Protein backbone atom coordinates (compact mmCIF):
# COMPACT_ATOMS: atom_id res chain seq x y z
CA MET A 1 51.33 52.92 -4.67
CA ILE A 2 51.01 53.82 -0.97
CA ASP A 3 53.35 52.38 1.64
CA LEU A 4 51.00 51.58 4.51
CA SER A 5 53.93 50.80 6.81
CA THR A 6 53.85 54.48 7.82
CA ALA A 7 50.05 54.58 8.20
CA SER A 8 48.55 55.82 11.47
CA PHE A 9 45.02 55.36 10.11
CA VAL A 10 43.42 53.24 7.38
CA GLY A 11 39.75 53.70 6.53
CA SER A 12 37.23 50.91 6.95
CA PRO A 13 35.78 49.39 3.74
CA PRO A 14 33.98 51.97 1.56
CA GLU A 15 30.28 52.43 2.12
CA ASP A 16 29.49 55.50 0.02
CA ASP A 17 28.70 53.95 -3.36
CA MET A 18 27.39 57.20 -4.82
CA ILE A 19 30.69 58.96 -4.17
CA LEU A 20 32.67 56.03 -5.58
CA ALA A 21 30.62 56.12 -8.76
CA GLY A 22 31.45 59.77 -9.36
CA LEU A 23 35.21 59.46 -8.99
CA PRO A 24 37.94 59.09 -11.62
CA ARG A 25 38.72 55.41 -12.15
CA ASP A 26 42.17 55.41 -10.51
CA TYR A 27 40.86 57.01 -7.32
CA SER A 28 37.80 54.77 -7.18
CA ASN A 29 39.91 51.65 -7.67
CA PHE A 30 42.31 52.80 -4.96
CA LEU A 31 39.52 53.36 -2.43
CA GLN A 32 38.08 49.93 -3.09
CA SER A 33 41.47 48.53 -2.10
CA VAL A 34 42.42 51.04 0.63
CA ASN A 35 39.61 53.37 1.67
CA GLY A 36 41.89 56.28 2.40
CA CYS A 37 44.63 56.59 4.98
CA VAL A 38 46.92 58.87 6.95
CA VAL A 39 50.62 58.30 6.28
CA HIS A 40 54.02 59.90 6.96
CA GLY A 41 53.18 60.76 10.56
CA GLY A 42 50.19 62.83 9.50
CA GLY A 43 52.03 64.37 6.55
CA LEU A 44 49.50 63.12 4.00
CA HIS A 45 45.84 62.24 4.42
CA ILE A 46 43.95 60.59 1.56
CA ARG A 47 40.19 60.87 2.03
CA GLY A 48 37.85 57.89 1.83
CA ALA A 49 34.37 57.02 0.55
CA SER A 50 32.73 56.93 3.97
CA GLU A 51 30.85 59.38 6.14
CA THR A 52 32.63 58.54 9.38
CA PRO A 53 34.85 59.64 10.87
CA ASP A 54 33.75 63.05 9.58
CA TRP A 55 37.31 64.36 9.09
CA HIS A 56 38.00 61.44 6.72
CA SER A 57 34.88 61.81 4.59
CA LEU A 58 35.42 62.79 0.96
CA ARG A 59 31.69 63.49 0.67
CA ARG A 60 31.82 66.11 3.42
CA PHE A 61 34.61 68.14 1.80
CA TRP A 62 33.55 67.61 -1.83
CA ILE A 63 29.76 67.99 -1.85
CA GLY A 64 28.77 68.07 1.81
CA GLU A 65 28.66 70.41 4.76
CA ASP A 66 32.31 71.49 4.51
CA ARG A 67 32.61 71.57 0.72
CA LEU A 68 35.79 73.34 -0.26
CA SER A 69 34.23 74.86 -3.37
CA THR A 70 32.04 76.95 -1.07
CA MET A 71 34.93 78.00 1.16
CA TYR A 72 37.34 78.89 -1.63
CA PRO A 73 36.35 80.75 -4.84
CA ALA A 74 39.25 79.18 -6.80
CA VAL A 75 37.99 75.64 -6.13
CA LYS A 76 35.48 74.41 -8.69
CA ALA A 77 32.52 72.21 -7.82
CA HIS A 78 33.92 69.32 -9.88
CA ASP A 79 37.38 69.48 -8.26
CA VAL A 80 37.82 66.34 -6.15
CA PRO A 81 39.61 67.17 -2.85
CA PHE A 82 41.19 63.75 -2.52
CA ALA A 83 43.95 64.56 -0.04
CA GLN A 84 45.56 67.13 2.22
CA ASP A 85 48.95 67.72 3.80
CA CYS A 86 49.66 68.23 7.49
CA PHE A 87 48.93 71.98 7.32
CA GLY A 88 45.54 71.73 5.60
CA ASP A 89 46.71 72.54 2.08
CA GLN A 90 44.49 70.52 -0.24
CA PHE A 91 45.22 68.34 -3.25
CA LEU A 92 42.54 68.43 -5.92
CA LEU A 93 41.87 66.24 -8.94
CA ARG A 94 40.88 68.41 -11.88
CA SER A 95 40.71 67.03 -15.43
CA GLN A 96 43.10 64.16 -14.64
CA SER A 97 45.69 66.55 -13.14
CA VAL A 98 46.56 67.19 -9.50
CA PHE A 99 46.29 70.77 -8.25
CA ARG A 100 47.39 72.14 -4.89
CA LEU A 101 45.20 74.58 -2.96
CA SER A 102 47.06 76.79 -0.50
CA GLY A 103 44.83 76.90 2.55
CA GLU A 104 46.26 80.24 3.70
CA THR A 105 45.94 82.19 0.46
CA GLY A 106 43.26 80.31 -1.48
CA GLU A 107 45.53 80.09 -4.52
CA VAL A 108 45.36 76.97 -6.71
CA GLU A 109 48.48 75.67 -8.45
CA ASN A 110 48.68 73.02 -11.17
CA LEU A 111 51.35 70.53 -10.10
CA SER A 112 51.41 69.11 -13.66
CA LEU A 113 51.17 65.60 -12.22
CA GLY A 114 48.67 62.83 -12.82
CA TRP A 115 47.24 60.66 -10.04
CA ARG A 116 49.96 58.02 -10.13
CA GLU A 117 52.73 60.58 -10.66
CA PHE A 118 51.58 62.47 -7.58
CA PHE A 119 51.91 59.42 -5.36
CA ALA A 120 55.22 58.44 -6.93
CA ALA A 121 56.61 61.89 -6.13
CA ALA A 122 55.27 61.77 -2.57
CA ALA A 123 56.78 58.33 -1.99
CA ALA A 124 60.16 59.24 -3.49
CA ASN A 125 60.77 62.23 -1.21
CA PRO A 126 57.91 62.97 1.17
CA ILE A 127 59.84 65.52 3.27
CA GLU A 128 60.54 67.78 0.30
CA PHE A 129 57.47 67.09 -1.83
CA LEU A 130 55.02 67.56 1.04
CA SER A 131 57.11 70.22 2.85
CA LEU A 132 57.19 68.22 6.07
CA GLN A 133 60.16 70.00 7.67
CA LEU A 134 57.97 71.73 10.26
CA LEU A 135 56.14 68.50 11.02
CA GLU A 136 59.51 66.83 11.63
CA ARG A 137 60.44 69.70 13.98
CA PHE A 138 57.13 69.34 15.79
CA LYS A 139 57.81 65.64 16.35
CA ARG A 140 61.37 66.27 17.53
CA GLU A 141 59.94 68.66 20.12
CA GLY A 142 57.70 65.89 21.44
CA GLY A 143 54.54 66.63 19.46
CA SER A 144 52.49 64.21 17.39
CA LEU A 145 49.63 64.47 14.95
CA GLN A 146 46.81 62.06 15.67
CA PRO A 147 44.46 60.95 12.89
CA GLY A 148 41.93 63.73 12.44
CA GLN A 149 44.39 66.48 13.39
CA LEU A 150 46.32 69.06 11.36
CA LEU A 151 49.19 71.34 12.24
CA SER A 152 48.28 74.93 13.08
CA VAL A 153 51.10 77.37 12.28
CA TYR A 154 51.43 80.87 13.74
CA PRO A 155 52.19 83.32 12.30
CA PRO A 156 50.86 82.07 8.94
CA LEU A 157 53.51 80.81 6.57
CA CYS A 158 52.50 83.32 3.90
CA THR A 159 53.55 86.22 6.15
CA GLN A 160 57.01 87.74 6.27
CA GLU A 161 57.03 87.32 10.06
CA SER A 162 56.99 83.53 9.75
CA GLY A 163 60.60 83.75 8.61
CA ASN A 164 61.52 84.65 12.19
CA GLY A 165 60.05 81.41 13.50
CA VAL A 166 56.62 79.91 14.05
CA SER A 167 54.74 78.14 16.81
CA LEU A 168 53.08 74.81 16.04
CA LYS A 169 50.02 73.15 17.54
CA ALA A 170 47.94 70.09 16.70
CA VAL A 171 44.27 71.01 16.19
CA PRO A 172 41.17 69.20 14.87
CA ALA A 173 41.28 69.03 11.08
CA ARG A 174 37.88 70.62 10.44
CA GLU A 175 38.74 73.49 12.79
CA ARG A 176 42.00 74.10 10.95
CA ILE A 177 40.40 73.97 7.49
CA ARG A 178 37.68 76.42 8.45
CA ALA A 179 40.19 78.79 10.07
CA LEU A 180 42.37 78.70 6.96
CA ALA A 181 39.42 79.43 4.67
CA ASP A 182 38.38 82.36 6.86
CA PHE A 183 41.93 83.77 6.82
CA ALA A 184 42.19 83.36 3.03
CA ALA A 185 38.89 85.21 2.57
CA GLN A 186 40.07 88.09 4.75
CA ILE A 187 43.35 88.61 2.87
CA ALA A 188 41.88 88.10 -0.61
CA GLY A 189 42.87 90.91 -2.93
CA LEU A 190 45.76 92.18 -0.81
CA THR A 191 49.04 92.79 -2.61
CA ASN A 192 52.45 91.51 -1.56
CA GLY A 193 53.82 93.62 1.28
CA SER A 194 50.39 94.58 2.64
CA LYS A 195 50.22 94.86 6.42
CA ILE A 196 47.64 92.85 8.32
CA ARG A 197 46.74 92.56 11.98
CA ILE A 198 45.90 89.12 13.30
CA VAL A 199 43.71 88.92 16.39
CA VAL A 200 44.23 85.66 18.27
CA GLU A 201 41.18 84.69 20.30
């Protein structure tokens, strides 16, 4: 289901039995075979049933310190944040379907795919399905995403200004996720075409 030939990280054997017991069968079975991984040059990260490293821990982002359901109102407590793309957009398991959470806007979209269908689509055309064009540009320019890093994009992709070009930087995954959630909270309720001012610290 996952081609590990592109993996830059594979999790050690699962140790979080409580998390495994609460997962849908397909995901639980997968983690008992491969306890999560980072593939496609950092383009897709599947979380594992372990507490370390912290950026890889499903527990942390599902029910722990960095639970996504606390950061994003549209994420429900029972949504399982099983994976993320290189930008920090999240893939959630909800009622046997895969949903995509936009990290920048907080919007949740039903991809109308099951667990196996999601991975089949990602394997068939990862560049298009996971929108990895900017990651490919980053690599051509000499950059690389290490396990535990995500790609920071400025200006945010949801802004009109991003159409004029963006700058890319590898940052720690938890830092990126928290920054995205903060941005999404600040623009919540704004209509298309609203003007915002971004202060870069």
